[in-house]
N, C-alpha and C. Protein backbone atom coordinates (compact mmCIF):
# COMPACT_ATOMS: atom_id res chain seq x y z
N MET A 1 -25.80 36.12 -40.08
CA MET A 1 -26.85 35.23 -39.56
C MET A 1 -27.54 35.92 -38.38
N THR A 2 -28.86 35.96 -38.41
CA THR A 2 -29.61 36.64 -37.36
C THR A 2 -29.65 35.77 -36.12
N LEU A 3 -30.01 36.41 -34.98
CA LEU A 3 -30.12 35.67 -33.73
C LEU A 3 -31.18 34.59 -33.84
N LEU A 4 -32.30 34.88 -34.52
CA LEU A 4 -33.37 33.91 -34.68
C LEU A 4 -32.89 32.68 -35.46
N ASN A 5 -32.12 32.93 -36.53
CA ASN A 5 -31.59 31.81 -37.31
C ASN A 5 -30.64 30.94 -36.48
N SER A 6 -29.84 31.63 -35.61
CA SER A 6 -28.91 30.89 -34.76
C SER A 6 -29.66 29.99 -33.79
N LEU A 7 -30.74 30.52 -33.20
CA LEU A 7 -31.52 29.72 -32.26
C LEU A 7 -32.20 28.56 -32.95
N ASN A 8 -32.65 28.79 -34.20
CA ASN A 8 -33.34 27.74 -34.92
C ASN A 8 -32.43 26.55 -35.22
N ARG A 9 -31.10 26.83 -35.24
CA ARG A 9 -30.16 25.73 -35.52
C ARG A 9 -30.19 24.67 -34.43
N PHE A 10 -30.54 25.05 -33.18
CA PHE A 10 -30.56 24.11 -32.07
C PHE A 10 -31.91 23.39 -32.04
N ASN A 11 -32.15 22.56 -33.03
CA ASN A 11 -33.38 21.78 -33.10
C ASN A 11 -33.31 20.64 -32.09
N PRO A 12 -34.37 19.88 -31.89
CA PRO A 12 -34.36 18.79 -30.90
C PRO A 12 -33.22 17.81 -31.08
N LEU A 13 -32.81 17.56 -32.33
CA LEU A 13 -31.71 16.61 -32.56
C LEU A 13 -30.42 17.14 -31.96
N HIS A 14 -30.16 18.44 -32.19
CA HIS A 14 -28.96 19.06 -31.63
C HIS A 14 -29.01 19.01 -30.11
N LEU A 15 -30.17 19.31 -29.54
CA LEU A 15 -30.29 19.35 -28.09
C LEU A 15 -30.06 17.97 -27.48
N ARG A 16 -30.59 16.95 -28.14
CA ARG A 16 -30.37 15.60 -27.62
C ARG A 16 -28.90 15.22 -27.67
N ALA A 17 -28.22 15.61 -28.73
CA ALA A 17 -26.79 15.31 -28.85
C ALA A 17 -25.99 16.02 -27.77
N MET A 18 -26.36 17.30 -27.52
CA MET A 18 -25.66 18.05 -26.48
C MET A 18 -25.91 17.43 -25.11
N ALA A 19 -27.16 17.00 -24.87
CA ALA A 19 -27.48 16.38 -23.58
C ALA A 19 -26.70 15.08 -23.39
N ALA A 20 -26.60 14.28 -24.45
CA ALA A 20 -25.85 13.02 -24.37
C ALA A 20 -24.38 13.28 -24.07
N LEU A 21 -23.83 14.32 -24.70
CA LEU A 21 -22.42 14.66 -24.45
C LEU A 21 -22.21 15.08 -23.01
N LEU A 22 -23.16 15.86 -22.48
CA LEU A 22 -23.05 16.33 -21.10
C LEU A 22 -23.12 15.16 -20.13
N ILE A 23 -24.09 14.25 -20.37
CA ILE A 23 -24.23 13.09 -19.50
C ILE A 23 -22.98 12.22 -19.55
N SER A 24 -22.44 12.05 -20.75
CA SER A 24 -21.21 11.25 -20.90
C SER A 24 -20.06 11.85 -20.12
N SER A 25 -19.96 13.19 -20.18
CA SER A 25 -18.88 13.87 -19.46
C SER A 25 -19.05 13.71 -17.96
N LEU A 26 -20.29 13.83 -17.48
CA LEU A 26 -20.54 13.66 -16.06
C LEU A 26 -20.23 12.24 -15.63
N GLY A 27 -20.57 11.27 -16.47
CA GLY A 27 -20.30 9.87 -16.16
C GLY A 27 -18.81 9.61 -16.07
N PHE A 28 -18.03 10.21 -16.98
CA PHE A 28 -16.57 10.05 -16.96
C PHE A 28 -16.01 10.61 -15.67
N THR A 29 -16.50 11.79 -15.25
CA THR A 29 -16.03 12.41 -14.01
C THR A 29 -16.35 11.52 -12.82
N ALA A 30 -17.57 10.97 -12.80
CA ALA A 30 -17.95 10.12 -11.69
C ALA A 30 -17.07 8.88 -11.62
N ASN A 31 -16.75 8.28 -12.78
CA ASN A 31 -15.89 7.10 -12.79
C ASN A 31 -14.50 7.43 -12.30
N ALA A 32 -13.98 8.60 -12.70
CA ALA A 32 -12.65 9.00 -12.26
C ALA A 32 -12.63 9.19 -10.75
N GLN A 33 -13.72 9.75 -10.20
CA GLN A 33 -13.77 9.99 -8.77
C GLN A 33 -14.00 8.72 -7.98
N ALA A 34 -14.49 7.65 -8.65
CA ALA A 34 -14.77 6.40 -7.95
C ALA A 34 -13.51 5.63 -7.62
N GLN A 35 -12.39 6.00 -8.20
CA GLN A 35 -11.13 5.31 -7.96
C GLN A 35 -10.72 5.46 -6.49
N TRP A 36 -10.15 4.40 -5.94
CA TRP A 36 -9.66 4.43 -4.55
C TRP A 36 -8.23 4.96 -4.54
N GLN A 37 -7.96 5.93 -3.66
CA GLN A 37 -6.65 6.56 -3.56
C GLN A 37 -6.04 6.31 -2.18
N LEU A 38 -4.74 6.05 -2.16
CA LEU A 38 -4.04 5.82 -0.90
C LEU A 38 -3.95 7.12 -0.09
N VAL A 39 -4.19 7.01 1.21
CA VAL A 39 -4.01 8.14 2.13
C VAL A 39 -2.64 7.96 2.78
N ASN A 40 -1.64 8.69 2.31
CA ASN A 40 -0.27 8.46 2.73
C ASN A 40 -0.08 8.66 4.23
N GLU A 41 -0.64 9.75 4.78
CA GLU A 41 -0.39 10.08 6.18
C GLU A 41 -1.01 9.06 7.14
N ALA A 42 -1.94 8.26 6.66
CA ALA A 42 -2.58 7.25 7.51
C ALA A 42 -2.08 5.84 7.21
N SER A 43 -1.11 5.71 6.32
CA SER A 43 -0.63 4.40 5.87
C SER A 43 0.80 4.14 6.35
N GLN A 44 1.14 2.87 6.44
CA GLN A 44 2.49 2.48 6.85
C GLN A 44 2.97 1.30 6.02
N LEU A 45 4.26 1.30 5.72
CA LEU A 45 4.92 0.14 5.12
C LEU A 45 6.23 -0.05 5.86
N ASN A 46 6.36 -1.17 6.55
CA ASN A 46 7.52 -1.41 7.40
C ASN A 46 8.30 -2.64 6.94
N PHE A 47 9.60 -2.63 7.20
CA PHE A 47 10.42 -3.81 6.95
C PHE A 47 11.40 -3.99 8.10
N ILE A 48 11.82 -5.23 8.29
CA ILE A 48 12.67 -5.59 9.42
C ILE A 48 14.02 -6.07 8.92
N SER A 49 15.07 -5.56 9.53
CA SER A 49 16.43 -6.03 9.21
C SER A 49 17.05 -6.66 10.45
N THR A 50 17.87 -7.68 10.21
CA THR A 50 18.57 -8.36 11.30
C THR A 50 20.06 -8.32 11.02
N LYS A 51 20.81 -7.80 11.97
CA LYS A 51 22.26 -7.70 11.81
C LYS A 51 22.94 -8.42 12.97
N ALA A 52 24.18 -8.84 12.73
CA ALA A 52 24.98 -9.52 13.75
C ALA A 52 24.18 -10.65 14.40
N THR A 53 23.41 -11.34 13.60
CA THR A 53 22.65 -12.55 13.97
C THR A 53 21.44 -12.29 14.86
N HIS A 54 21.59 -11.48 15.91
CA HIS A 54 20.54 -11.38 16.92
C HIS A 54 19.95 -9.97 17.08
N ILE A 55 20.43 -8.99 16.32
CA ILE A 55 19.94 -7.62 16.49
C ILE A 55 18.94 -7.31 15.39
N THR A 56 17.68 -7.16 15.76
CA THR A 56 16.60 -6.94 14.79
C THR A 56 16.01 -5.55 14.98
N GLU A 57 15.82 -4.84 13.88
CA GLU A 57 15.30 -3.47 13.92
C GLU A 57 14.19 -3.29 12.87
N SER A 58 13.25 -2.41 13.18
CA SER A 58 12.14 -2.13 12.28
C SER A 58 12.35 -0.77 11.61
N HIS A 59 12.09 -0.70 10.31
CA HIS A 59 12.24 0.53 9.53
C HIS A 59 10.96 0.78 8.73
N THR A 60 10.87 1.96 8.15
CA THR A 60 9.66 2.30 7.41
C THR A 60 9.97 3.20 6.23
N PHE A 61 8.98 3.42 5.39
CA PHE A 61 9.03 4.41 4.32
C PHE A 61 7.93 5.43 4.60
N THR A 62 8.25 6.70 4.48
CA THR A 62 7.29 7.74 4.86
C THR A 62 6.49 8.30 3.68
N LYS A 63 6.89 7.98 2.45
CA LYS A 63 6.19 8.52 1.28
C LYS A 63 5.73 7.39 0.37
N LEU A 64 4.41 7.21 0.34
CA LEU A 64 3.79 6.18 -0.47
C LEU A 64 2.71 6.81 -1.35
N GLN A 65 2.53 6.24 -2.53
CA GLN A 65 1.43 6.62 -3.40
C GLN A 65 0.76 5.34 -3.88
N GLY A 66 -0.56 5.38 -4.01
CA GLY A 66 -1.23 4.18 -4.46
C GLY A 66 -2.66 4.44 -4.89
N SER A 67 -3.21 3.48 -5.61
CA SER A 67 -4.59 3.60 -6.07
C SER A 67 -5.11 2.22 -6.45
N VAL A 68 -6.44 2.11 -6.49
CA VAL A 68 -7.11 0.94 -7.05
C VAL A 68 -8.10 1.47 -8.07
N SER A 69 -7.92 1.11 -9.33
CA SER A 69 -8.75 1.65 -10.40
C SER A 69 -10.12 0.98 -10.40
N ASP A 70 -11.02 1.52 -11.22
CA ASP A 70 -12.35 0.95 -11.35
C ASP A 70 -12.29 -0.48 -11.91
N ALA A 71 -11.20 -0.81 -12.61
CA ALA A 71 -11.05 -2.16 -13.16
C ALA A 71 -10.36 -3.11 -12.17
N GLY A 72 -10.03 -2.62 -10.96
CA GLY A 72 -9.41 -3.46 -9.95
C GLY A 72 -7.90 -3.53 -10.03
N GLN A 73 -7.27 -2.63 -10.80
CA GLN A 73 -5.81 -2.60 -10.90
C GLN A 73 -5.25 -1.83 -9.70
N ALA A 74 -4.55 -2.54 -8.83
CA ALA A 74 -3.96 -1.92 -7.64
C ALA A 74 -2.51 -1.57 -7.90
N ASN A 75 -2.12 -0.36 -7.51
CA ASN A 75 -0.75 0.12 -7.70
C ASN A 75 -0.26 0.76 -6.41
N LEU A 76 0.95 0.42 -6.01
CA LEU A 76 1.59 1.05 -4.86
C LEU A 76 3.00 1.45 -5.26
N THR A 77 3.32 2.73 -5.09
CA THR A 77 4.65 3.25 -5.41
C THR A 77 5.32 3.72 -4.12
N ILE A 78 6.54 3.27 -3.90
CA ILE A 78 7.29 3.58 -2.69
C ILE A 78 8.45 4.50 -3.05
N ASP A 79 8.50 5.66 -2.43
CA ASP A 79 9.62 6.59 -2.61
C ASP A 79 10.78 6.07 -1.76
N LEU A 80 11.78 5.47 -2.41
CA LEU A 80 12.86 4.82 -1.68
C LEU A 80 13.73 5.81 -0.90
N ALA A 81 13.75 7.06 -1.32
CA ALA A 81 14.51 8.07 -0.59
C ALA A 81 13.86 8.42 0.73
N SER A 82 12.62 7.97 0.93
CA SER A 82 11.91 8.29 2.19
C SER A 82 12.14 7.22 3.25
N VAL A 83 13.09 6.31 3.04
CA VAL A 83 13.35 5.28 4.04
C VAL A 83 13.72 5.94 5.36
N GLU A 84 13.15 5.44 6.44
CA GLU A 84 13.39 6.01 7.77
C GLU A 84 13.80 4.89 8.73
N THR A 85 15.08 4.93 9.15
CA THR A 85 15.62 3.95 10.08
C THR A 85 15.92 4.56 11.44
N MET A 86 15.62 5.85 11.58
CA MET A 86 15.88 6.63 12.80
C MET A 86 17.36 6.96 12.99
N ILE A 87 18.18 6.64 11.98
CA ILE A 87 19.60 7.02 12.00
C ILE A 87 19.90 7.66 10.65
N PRO A 88 20.10 8.99 10.60
CA PRO A 88 20.25 9.69 9.32
C PRO A 88 21.32 9.11 8.40
N ILE A 89 22.50 8.79 8.93
CA ILE A 89 23.56 8.27 8.08
C ILE A 89 23.19 6.92 7.50
N ARG A 90 22.43 6.12 8.26
CA ARG A 90 21.98 4.83 7.75
C ARG A 90 20.92 5.02 6.66
N ASN A 91 20.05 6.02 6.84
CA ASN A 91 19.08 6.34 5.78
C ASN A 91 19.81 6.64 4.47
N GLU A 92 20.85 7.47 4.59
CA GLU A 92 21.62 7.88 3.40
C GLU A 92 22.31 6.68 2.76
N ARG A 93 22.91 5.84 3.57
CA ARG A 93 23.64 4.68 3.04
C ARG A 93 22.68 3.69 2.38
N MET A 94 21.52 3.47 2.97
CA MET A 94 20.55 2.58 2.34
C MET A 94 20.12 3.13 0.98
N GLY A 95 19.91 4.44 0.94
CA GLY A 95 19.48 5.05 -0.31
C GLY A 95 20.51 4.92 -1.42
N THR A 96 21.77 5.16 -1.09
CA THR A 96 22.82 5.16 -2.12
C THR A 96 23.39 3.77 -2.39
N MET A 97 23.62 2.98 -1.34
CA MET A 97 24.30 1.70 -1.51
C MET A 97 23.34 0.54 -1.80
N LEU A 98 22.17 0.55 -1.17
CA LEU A 98 21.24 -0.57 -1.31
C LEU A 98 20.23 -0.32 -2.44
N PHE A 99 19.54 0.82 -2.37
CA PHE A 99 18.49 1.09 -3.35
C PHE A 99 19.00 1.78 -4.61
N GLU A 100 20.16 2.45 -4.52
CA GLU A 100 20.71 3.21 -5.65
C GLU A 100 19.66 4.18 -6.20
N ILE A 101 19.20 5.07 -5.31
CA ILE A 101 18.06 5.93 -5.64
C ILE A 101 18.34 6.93 -6.76
N ALA A 102 19.60 7.22 -7.04
CA ALA A 102 19.91 8.12 -8.15
C ALA A 102 19.43 7.54 -9.47
N SER A 103 19.48 6.22 -9.59
CA SER A 103 19.04 5.54 -10.81
C SER A 103 17.66 4.91 -10.68
N PHE A 104 17.31 4.50 -9.43
CA PHE A 104 16.04 3.80 -9.20
C PHE A 104 15.34 4.43 -8.01
N PRO A 105 14.67 5.56 -8.20
CA PRO A 105 14.10 6.30 -7.07
C PRO A 105 12.89 5.66 -6.41
N THR A 106 12.22 4.74 -7.10
CA THR A 106 11.00 4.16 -6.54
C THR A 106 10.99 2.64 -6.70
N ALA A 107 10.19 2.01 -5.86
CA ALA A 107 9.82 0.60 -6.03
C ALA A 107 8.32 0.57 -6.26
N LYS A 108 7.84 -0.43 -7.00
CA LYS A 108 6.43 -0.49 -7.34
C LYS A 108 5.87 -1.89 -7.14
N PHE A 109 4.66 -1.93 -6.60
CA PHE A 109 3.94 -3.19 -6.47
C PHE A 109 2.62 -3.05 -7.20
N THR A 110 2.30 -4.02 -8.05
CA THR A 110 1.04 -4.01 -8.79
C THR A 110 0.33 -5.34 -8.59
N ALA A 111 -1.00 -5.30 -8.56
CA ALA A 111 -1.79 -6.52 -8.41
C ALA A 111 -3.19 -6.26 -8.93
N GLN A 112 -3.85 -7.33 -9.31
CA GLN A 112 -5.26 -7.24 -9.71
C GLN A 112 -6.11 -7.72 -8.54
N VAL A 113 -7.08 -6.90 -8.13
CA VAL A 113 -7.91 -7.26 -6.99
C VAL A 113 -9.37 -7.33 -7.41
N ASP A 114 -10.15 -8.08 -6.63
CA ASP A 114 -11.58 -8.17 -6.85
C ASP A 114 -12.22 -6.95 -6.19
N LEU A 115 -12.59 -5.97 -6.99
CA LEU A 115 -13.08 -4.72 -6.45
C LEU A 115 -14.39 -4.89 -5.68
N GLU A 116 -15.12 -5.96 -5.94
CA GLU A 116 -16.35 -6.20 -5.18
C GLU A 116 -16.07 -6.37 -3.70
N THR A 117 -14.85 -6.84 -3.38
CA THR A 117 -14.46 -6.97 -1.98
C THR A 117 -14.50 -5.61 -1.30
N PHE A 118 -14.06 -4.58 -2.01
CA PHE A 118 -14.11 -3.22 -1.47
C PHE A 118 -15.54 -2.72 -1.41
N ASN A 119 -16.27 -2.90 -2.49
CA ASN A 119 -17.56 -2.23 -2.65
C ASN A 119 -18.69 -2.86 -1.86
N GLN A 120 -18.65 -4.17 -1.62
CA GLN A 120 -19.77 -4.84 -0.98
C GLN A 120 -19.66 -4.96 0.53
N LEU A 121 -18.50 -4.64 1.09
CA LEU A 121 -18.36 -4.73 2.54
C LEU A 121 -19.21 -3.67 3.23
N SER A 122 -19.86 -4.06 4.31
CA SER A 122 -20.56 -3.08 5.14
C SER A 122 -19.57 -2.48 6.13
N VAL A 123 -19.90 -1.32 6.68
CA VAL A 123 -18.99 -0.64 7.60
C VAL A 123 -18.70 -1.53 8.80
N GLY A 124 -17.40 -1.70 9.10
CA GLY A 124 -16.98 -2.53 10.21
C GLY A 124 -16.70 -3.98 9.82
N ALA A 125 -17.12 -4.37 8.61
CA ALA A 125 -16.90 -5.75 8.16
C ALA A 125 -15.48 -5.91 7.61
N MET A 126 -15.03 -7.15 7.55
CA MET A 126 -13.69 -7.44 7.04
C MET A 126 -13.71 -8.69 6.20
N LYS A 127 -12.70 -8.81 5.33
CA LYS A 127 -12.56 -10.00 4.49
C LYS A 127 -11.09 -10.26 4.24
N ASP A 128 -10.69 -11.51 4.39
CA ASP A 128 -9.31 -11.90 4.12
C ASP A 128 -9.18 -12.33 2.67
N MET A 129 -8.06 -11.97 2.05
CA MET A 129 -7.86 -12.31 0.64
C MET A 129 -6.37 -12.40 0.35
N ALA A 130 -6.05 -13.00 -0.79
CA ALA A 130 -4.66 -13.10 -1.23
C ALA A 130 -4.42 -12.10 -2.34
N LEU A 131 -3.34 -11.35 -2.21
CA LEU A 131 -2.91 -10.44 -3.28
C LEU A 131 -1.77 -11.12 -4.03
N ASN A 132 -1.98 -11.38 -5.29
CA ASN A 132 -0.94 -11.97 -6.13
C ASN A 132 -0.49 -10.93 -7.14
N GLY A 133 0.70 -10.40 -6.94
CA GLY A 133 1.15 -9.31 -7.80
C GLY A 133 2.62 -9.40 -8.14
N GLU A 134 3.17 -8.26 -8.53
CA GLU A 134 4.58 -8.17 -8.90
C GLU A 134 5.22 -6.98 -8.20
N LEU A 135 6.45 -7.20 -7.75
CA LEU A 135 7.25 -6.14 -7.14
C LEU A 135 8.39 -5.79 -8.07
N SER A 136 8.55 -4.49 -8.34
CA SER A 136 9.67 -4.01 -9.15
C SER A 136 10.57 -3.16 -8.26
N LEU A 137 11.83 -3.60 -8.12
CA LEU A 137 12.82 -2.88 -7.31
C LEU A 137 14.12 -2.84 -8.09
N ARG A 138 14.64 -1.63 -8.27
CA ARG A 138 15.78 -1.43 -9.13
C ARG A 138 15.46 -2.00 -10.51
N SER A 139 16.26 -2.89 -11.03
CA SER A 139 16.01 -3.41 -12.38
C SER A 139 15.39 -4.80 -12.35
N THR A 140 14.88 -5.21 -11.18
CA THR A 140 14.34 -6.56 -11.02
C THR A 140 12.84 -6.51 -10.77
N THR A 141 12.10 -7.39 -11.44
CA THR A 141 10.67 -7.56 -11.20
C THR A 141 10.42 -9.03 -10.90
N LEU A 142 9.71 -9.31 -9.80
CA LEU A 142 9.45 -10.69 -9.43
C LEU A 142 8.07 -10.82 -8.83
N PRO A 143 7.48 -12.02 -8.87
CA PRO A 143 6.16 -12.22 -8.27
C PRO A 143 6.23 -12.01 -6.76
N LEU A 144 5.16 -11.42 -6.21
CA LEU A 144 5.09 -11.21 -4.76
C LEU A 144 3.65 -11.44 -4.32
N ASN A 145 3.47 -12.36 -3.39
CA ASN A 145 2.14 -12.67 -2.87
C ASN A 145 2.03 -12.20 -1.42
N ALA A 146 0.88 -11.70 -1.06
CA ALA A 146 0.66 -11.23 0.30
C ALA A 146 -0.75 -11.61 0.74
N ASN A 147 -0.86 -12.12 1.96
CA ASN A 147 -2.16 -12.39 2.55
C ASN A 147 -2.59 -11.16 3.33
N VAL A 148 -3.74 -10.61 2.98
CA VAL A 148 -4.17 -9.35 3.57
C VAL A 148 -5.58 -9.44 4.12
N ARG A 149 -5.91 -8.50 4.97
CA ARG A 149 -7.27 -8.34 5.49
C ARG A 149 -7.78 -6.97 5.07
N VAL A 150 -8.94 -6.94 4.44
CA VAL A 150 -9.58 -5.70 4.02
C VAL A 150 -10.67 -5.37 5.03
N ILE A 151 -10.63 -4.17 5.60
CA ILE A 151 -11.59 -3.74 6.61
C ILE A 151 -12.29 -2.47 6.13
N LYS A 152 -13.60 -2.46 6.11
CA LYS A 152 -14.36 -1.25 5.72
C LYS A 152 -14.45 -0.34 6.94
N LEU A 153 -13.78 0.79 6.90
CA LEU A 153 -13.73 1.70 8.05
C LEU A 153 -14.96 2.59 8.11
N ASP A 154 -15.37 3.12 6.96
CA ASP A 154 -16.59 3.91 6.88
C ASP A 154 -17.08 3.87 5.44
N GLY A 155 -17.98 4.77 5.08
CA GLY A 155 -18.60 4.70 3.77
C GLY A 155 -17.64 4.83 2.61
N ASN A 156 -16.50 5.49 2.79
CA ASN A 156 -15.59 5.68 1.66
C ASN A 156 -14.13 5.42 2.02
N ARG A 157 -13.87 4.63 3.08
CA ARG A 157 -12.49 4.31 3.43
C ARG A 157 -12.37 2.83 3.78
N VAL A 158 -11.30 2.21 3.29
CA VAL A 158 -10.98 0.83 3.65
C VAL A 158 -9.52 0.75 4.10
N GLN A 159 -9.25 -0.23 4.94
CA GLN A 159 -7.88 -0.51 5.37
C GLN A 159 -7.47 -1.86 4.81
N VAL A 160 -6.27 -1.91 4.23
CA VAL A 160 -5.71 -3.16 3.73
C VAL A 160 -4.43 -3.42 4.51
N GLN A 161 -4.40 -4.51 5.28
CA GLN A 161 -3.24 -4.79 6.12
C GLN A 161 -2.81 -6.24 5.96
N THR A 162 -1.51 -6.46 6.15
CA THR A 162 -0.97 -7.81 6.03
C THR A 162 -1.42 -8.67 7.21
N LEU A 163 -1.78 -9.92 6.90
CA LEU A 163 -2.07 -10.89 7.95
C LEU A 163 -0.79 -11.56 8.43
N THR A 164 0.12 -11.80 7.50
CA THR A 164 1.43 -12.34 7.81
C THR A 164 2.47 -11.55 7.02
N PRO A 165 3.67 -11.42 7.51
CA PRO A 165 4.69 -10.67 6.77
C PRO A 165 4.99 -11.31 5.41
N ALA A 166 5.22 -10.47 4.43
CA ALA A 166 5.74 -10.94 3.14
C ALA A 166 7.26 -10.97 3.25
N ILE A 167 7.88 -12.09 2.93
CA ILE A 167 9.33 -12.24 3.08
C ILE A 167 10.01 -11.97 1.74
N LEU A 168 10.86 -10.96 1.72
CA LEU A 168 11.65 -10.65 0.53
C LEU A 168 13.05 -11.23 0.68
N ASN A 169 13.57 -11.73 -0.42
CA ASN A 169 14.90 -12.34 -0.42
C ASN A 169 15.86 -11.50 -1.24
N ALA A 170 17.00 -11.17 -0.64
CA ALA A 170 17.97 -10.29 -1.29
C ALA A 170 18.51 -10.88 -2.59
N ASN A 171 18.66 -12.20 -2.62
CA ASN A 171 19.15 -12.84 -3.85
C ASN A 171 18.16 -12.66 -4.98
N SER A 172 16.88 -12.87 -4.71
CA SER A 172 15.85 -12.74 -5.74
C SER A 172 15.77 -11.32 -6.27
N LEU A 173 16.02 -10.35 -5.39
CA LEU A 173 15.92 -8.94 -5.78
C LEU A 173 17.25 -8.36 -6.27
N SER A 174 18.28 -9.19 -6.31
CA SER A 174 19.61 -8.76 -6.80
C SER A 174 20.18 -7.58 -6.01
N VAL A 175 20.01 -7.62 -4.67
CA VAL A 175 20.54 -6.53 -3.84
C VAL A 175 21.57 -7.04 -2.83
N VAL A 176 22.07 -8.26 -3.04
CA VAL A 176 23.07 -8.80 -2.12
C VAL A 176 24.31 -7.91 -2.09
N GLY A 177 24.71 -7.41 -3.26
CA GLY A 177 25.88 -6.53 -3.30
C GLY A 177 25.69 -5.29 -2.46
N GLY A 178 24.50 -4.71 -2.50
CA GLY A 178 24.23 -3.53 -1.69
C GLY A 178 24.24 -3.83 -0.21
N ILE A 179 23.70 -4.99 0.16
CA ILE A 179 23.72 -5.39 1.57
C ILE A 179 25.15 -5.59 2.05
N GLU A 180 25.98 -6.17 1.22
CA GLU A 180 27.38 -6.38 1.60
C GLU A 180 28.12 -5.05 1.76
N LYS A 181 27.78 -4.07 0.93
CA LYS A 181 28.37 -2.74 1.10
C LYS A 181 27.98 -2.13 2.44
N LEU A 182 26.69 -2.27 2.80
CA LEU A 182 26.23 -1.76 4.09
C LEU A 182 26.92 -2.48 5.24
N ARG A 183 27.02 -3.79 5.13
CA ARG A 183 27.67 -4.57 6.18
C ARG A 183 29.12 -4.14 6.37
N SER A 184 29.83 -3.95 5.25
CA SER A 184 31.24 -3.60 5.33
C SER A 184 31.45 -2.21 5.93
N VAL A 185 30.69 -1.22 5.46
CA VAL A 185 30.89 0.15 5.94
C VAL A 185 30.49 0.29 7.40
N ALA A 186 29.55 -0.55 7.87
CA ALA A 186 29.13 -0.49 9.27
C ALA A 186 29.98 -1.40 10.17
N GLY A 187 30.87 -2.18 9.57
CA GLY A 187 31.72 -3.05 10.35
C GLY A 187 30.96 -4.17 11.04
N LEU A 188 29.96 -4.72 10.37
CA LEU A 188 29.12 -5.77 10.96
C LEU A 188 29.55 -7.15 10.48
N PRO A 189 29.38 -8.17 11.31
CA PRO A 189 29.72 -9.53 10.87
C PRO A 189 28.70 -10.08 9.87
N SER A 190 27.44 -9.61 9.94
CA SER A 190 26.42 -10.13 9.03
C SER A 190 25.20 -9.21 9.01
N ILE A 191 24.49 -9.23 7.88
CA ILE A 191 23.16 -8.64 7.75
C ILE A 191 22.32 -9.68 7.02
N SER A 192 21.16 -10.00 7.56
CA SER A 192 20.32 -11.05 6.99
C SER A 192 19.88 -10.70 5.57
N HIS A 193 19.81 -11.72 4.72
CA HIS A 193 19.34 -11.53 3.35
C HIS A 193 17.83 -11.73 3.22
N SER A 194 17.16 -12.12 4.31
CA SER A 194 15.70 -12.27 4.32
C SER A 194 15.10 -11.09 5.07
N VAL A 195 14.11 -10.44 4.42
CA VAL A 195 13.54 -9.21 4.99
C VAL A 195 12.02 -9.33 5.06
N PRO A 196 11.45 -9.43 6.27
CA PRO A 196 9.99 -9.43 6.41
C PRO A 196 9.43 -8.02 6.19
N VAL A 197 8.32 -7.95 5.46
CA VAL A 197 7.67 -6.67 5.15
C VAL A 197 6.21 -6.75 5.58
N THR A 198 5.74 -5.70 6.26
CA THR A 198 4.34 -5.60 6.64
C THR A 198 3.82 -4.23 6.22
N PHE A 199 2.49 -4.13 6.04
CA PHE A 199 1.92 -2.83 5.71
C PHE A 199 0.50 -2.71 6.23
N SER A 200 0.12 -1.48 6.45
CA SER A 200 -1.28 -1.12 6.77
C SER A 200 -1.58 0.10 5.92
N LEU A 201 -2.45 -0.09 4.91
CA LEU A 201 -2.71 0.95 3.92
C LEU A 201 -4.17 1.39 4.01
N ILE A 202 -4.38 2.69 4.01
CA ILE A 202 -5.73 3.25 4.01
C ILE A 202 -6.04 3.81 2.62
N PHE A 203 -7.15 3.35 2.04
CA PHE A 203 -7.60 3.84 0.75
C PHE A 203 -8.92 4.58 0.92
N GLN A 204 -9.04 5.68 0.22
CA GLN A 204 -10.25 6.51 0.29
C GLN A 204 -10.83 6.73 -1.08
N GLN A 205 -12.14 6.65 -1.18
CA GLN A 205 -12.81 6.82 -2.46
C GLN A 205 -13.29 8.25 -2.64
């Protein structure tokens, strides 16, 4: 086949098809980039434990992953091995006795959000909303609701923070046995089964 014959094959119909394919590919890329991604180093997820009735301490997780899709599907994954209590042996015990990270390395929270809340806010504006989702920890999944405030930080960043702590119950999450192991090994008279959780999450588009 000569070069001229090859060029003649690209008639207007072929060119239009190629152009449509290119535009479609660019559109797919743009949609993928429009997804909101969690900025781990700027985000926090904290929980509070109370032991011996009156001793309350705050702990955190240092490794989080999250996103909000174009369809409004919000996902947050917590690396349970990244628990930080400021006491290394306690970090280790929580990982092995409470979370059982060898079998269940992560916890996950999923929710459906109104993405217009993200997209229509002007810089500096805020909106309060309810997140109704599900928390999966170890082999248990249960409904979890959180009242949050969404703040538009700049053109492509928002902050999502709790207005009030979300209270987790050890019985509902089937972790009472792990708490009792921690209590026994630490020689404590009690560890509360109710755990307040707060977060401040930064998402970037």
